[in-house]
Amino acid sequence: MSIKQDYKAVIFSGCAIESKSISLCDLRHFLPQYKGYTTGAYQVHSDNPRHKFSEIFKDIDEAVNKFVELKGLLK
């Protein structure tokens, strides 16, 4: 299983992932205003001063790809 598949499994189980000031979560599990969404509400957020970023994606693959991209920039 690839690391991206592992990340998706963690998100689908209702957990969030945090690494190097970057987070990935499905907002439907954490914020009441997203509970009724039938499509994804996957947030990728970075507080890193060099790579600040915050976006909500409908597609889990896009969100995971962005999360992995940002992690790679902070090596």
Protein backbone atom coordinates (compact mmCIF):
# COMPACT_ATOMS: atom_id res chain seq x y z
CA MET A 1 0.00 0.00 0.00
CA SER A 2 1.38 3.44 -0.88
CA ILE A 3 1.78 6.28 1.59
CA LYS A 4 -1.00 8.19 -0.19
CA GLN A 5 -3.35 5.23 0.28
CA ASP A 6 -2.35 5.13 3.95
CA TYR A 7 -3.15 8.84 4.34
CA LYS A 8 -6.53 8.35 2.70
CA ALA A 9 -7.33 5.43 5.03
CA VAL A 10 -6.52 7.59 8.06
CA ILE A 11 -8.77 10.41 6.82
CA PHE A 12 -11.60 8.00 5.94
CA SER A 13 -11.43 6.57 9.47
CA GLY A 14 -12.25 10.03 10.87
CA CYS A 15 -8.79 11.10 11.99
CA ALA A 16 -6.60 14.03 10.97
CA ILE A 17 -2.94 13.97 9.95
CA GLU A 18 -0.42 16.54 11.11
CA SER A 19 3.21 16.75 10.08
CA LYS A 20 5.71 19.61 10.06
CA SER A 21 3.05 22.31 10.63
CA ILE A 22 0.87 20.85 7.84
CA SER A 23 -2.49 19.24 8.47
CA LEU A 24 -4.97 17.22 6.44
CA CYS A 25 -8.50 16.43 7.62
CA ASP A 26 -12.07 15.91 6.50
CA LEU A 27 -13.93 18.85 8.00
CA ARG A 28 -17.13 16.77 8.07
CA HIS A 29 -15.67 14.96 11.09
CA PHE A 30 -14.73 18.11 13.00
CA LEU A 31 -17.07 21.02 12.23
CA PRO A 32 -20.87 20.89 12.52
CA GLN A 33 -21.42 23.16 9.52
CA TYR A 34 -19.86 20.48 7.26
CA LYS A 35 -21.77 17.46 8.68
CA GLY A 36 -24.40 17.43 5.91
CA TYR A 37 -21.93 17.59 3.02
CA THR A 38 -22.21 14.61 0.71
CA THR A 39 -18.99 15.48 -1.12
CA GLY A 40 -15.68 15.82 0.61
CA ALA A 41 -14.54 18.81 2.59
CA TYR A 42 -10.87 17.93 2.86
CA GLN A 43 -8.78 20.74 4.27
CA VAL A 44 -5.04 21.04 3.76
CA HIS A 45 -3.53 23.72 5.96
CA SER A 46 0.04 24.90 6.56
CA ASP A 47 1.17 27.44 9.15
CA ASN A 48 4.77 27.29 7.98
CA PRO A 49 6.02 30.86 7.44
CA ARG A 50 7.66 29.94 4.11
CA HIS A 51 4.77 27.90 2.76
CA LYS A 52 1.51 29.24 4.19
CA PHE A 53 -1.45 27.49 2.60
CA SER A 54 -5.07 26.69 3.36
CA GLU A 55 -7.61 25.20 0.97
CA ILE A 56 -10.64 22.93 1.08
CA PHE A 57 -10.81 20.22 -1.57
CA LYS A 58 -13.81 18.14 -2.66
CA ASP A 59 -11.55 15.36 -3.93
CA ILE A 60 -9.49 13.33 -1.45
CA ASP A 61 -6.80 12.58 -4.04
CA GLU A 62 -6.22 16.27 -4.74
CA ALA A 63 -6.03 16.99 -1.01
CA VAL A 64 -3.57 14.15 -0.35
CA ASN A 65 -1.42 15.21 -3.31
CA LYS A 66 -1.25 18.77 -1.98
CA PHE A 67 -0.43 17.52 1.53
CA VAL A 68 2.43 15.37 0.16
CA GLU A 69 3.66 18.27 -2.00
CA LEU A 70 3.80 20.64 0.97
CA LYS A 71 5.53 18.01 3.14
CA GLY A 72 8.18 17.65 0.43
CA LEU A 73 8.84 21.41 0.42
CA LEU A 74 9.58 21.37 4.14
CA LYS A 75 12.33 18.72 4.13
